[in-house]
Amino acid sequence: MKAIYVRQSIVKEDSISLDTQIESCQKELKKGETFKVYKDQKSGKDTNREQFQAMMLDIEEGLIDTVIVYKIDRISRSVYDFGNIMRKFEKYKVEFISVNEKFDTTTPMGQAMLQIVMVFAELERKTIQMRIVDNYYARGKEGRYLGGKPPYGFDKEKIIMDGKKTYQYIENFEQSELVKEIFRMYHEDINSSLGSISKWINEENVYKTTRGNGWSNNTVARIIRNPAYTFATAEVYLYLKEKGCIMNNDADDYVGVNGLYKYTEGGYGRKPENEQDLPSSYVTIAPHTPFIEADRWLACNRKADNNVQIKNSGKGTHTWLSGLMKCGYCGLAATVATREDGNHKLICGGKKRHSCDGVSNDISVKMVEDYVEPLLLEHLRNELAKSLSPNSEVETPNTRELNRLHIELVKVNAEIDNLVEAVATAGAKVAKIYNEKIEKLDKTRERITKDILALKINDGVILSPEKIQECIEQWDEYSFDKKKDICKLFIKVITITDNEMQIIFN
């Protein structure tokens, strides 16, 4: 059966009437052919037209093999919509004839014209898509609400930002109590895991997810990983940047007041076709006030990182002293040379460069760990005794100064990275100047790192007497990466020769 589709927006004296359109379309019919007329009196700006939709349903049911119109714009005024309509006609093997333009897909010329129209339809589709994406990212960079349901623990409220209406997260106090408990358990209980926490929540049978479902490991992980819950501090900036996130704000803006939005290419909920082809993550400072302290959020995320790292193995996973060991002969880093039997040995950077004989093959990683462990625990006991001394002064946390140092460290690292890139393309004389600058900046970085470490040690938050006591009592139960974190906090370097090992504590 043939379909004749006619449309008229508004009845005007100079407009082509529906009857005239039908009469012209009927001339394309062969004698005896059956047909049905579909009439709409509505704008062609979209396809939301009653009779047009009725015709499309008949096409899907296989009742129509040809559609005839007076002019192409009767079926659609949008190249994008027209392209979609033509794809549907092609899917159901429906021919298309436009009387006025002599457009007939049953002829070679008509098919060629159709391909041209389809190219323009695809161009319009991509142009519309890019406008949407550009607008989405523009809103994201400005800290505007990007749509979707708020994360568990938040509701949303209307606000005015720069004279424009938008939304922001607002704490849902009933839900946020659970979120706080999730972070507390994962942070403070060394035996806690995503699985044990989700099991506990389900057993309590009080809390449901925002979709009304039970809790899973992934549900808890999404909460742990979401920076919306924490404050935008410089340390959070460094962590997210190291994870490969694209930061929409400078480190100077991370002053520990607001929360954060994290979104991916294509917006919330975009799933990559290939699991290995993960979309880029963007982070921007949001207007809302979070409720999880940055130190706790970072500790939980590093714990989650460590769990993954141990599972997947990789660099620095063969000893909890990674990055701290140096060859006592040449001063270069001593790294792990793995053995199939698990009795891993040490090899120094100088030996790799053939500039040092290195330490003896008789010294294994386990020997170094066995030497360091009792001395580290003794050092911790001394630190605990000092912290409990009545003459010791407990300093208050200087978070503002710590944040300032982290921002300064970000800038120095960025300057070093830029100079390193410039050295690669510079001439010999210029490269020498750049290298001298890099050396000075490296000393600045070392000074800042020491200042940060000193602040953390004196803070009483990261290394309170209770924390030190916990380290001593639970050392044997700590995970590989927990031990690594403690070593990096207390040990500056371990120098190793064939006859001696020496630990320099921070």
Foldseek 3Di string as FASTA:
>chain_A
DEEEEAEAADDDPPDDDRVNFVVLQCVPDDPPDDYDYFYFHHAQADQPTDSSVVVLVCLVVVNHAEYETQAPCRRHPALLRSLVVVVSSVVSNHWYAHRNVRQTCVDPVNVVVNVVSNVVNVVVVVVVVVVVLVVLVVCQLLQFDNDDADAFQWHKDWDADPNHIGIATDGPVVRVVLLVVLLCCLQPPLPDALAVSLVVQVVVVPDAGPVRHGDHSVSSVVSLPFQQQEAQFLVVVVVVVVVQAAESDALVVRQGFFTKHKAFRVTPPDDDPDNVPDTHIYMHTHDHGHDDYPVSSVSSVVVVVVVVCQVVPDPPNLALCPPFEAAQPPRAHWGWDADPVSQIATDGPCVVVVNDPTADRVDTRVNVCVVVVVVLLVVLVVLLCQLPDPPDDQDAQPRSVLRVLSSVLVVLVVLLVVLVVVLVPDDPVVNVVSVVVNVVSVVVNVVSVVVNLVSCCSHCPNPPSVNSVCCNVCVVVHDRNVSSVSCVSWWRHWYDHHVDIDTDTD
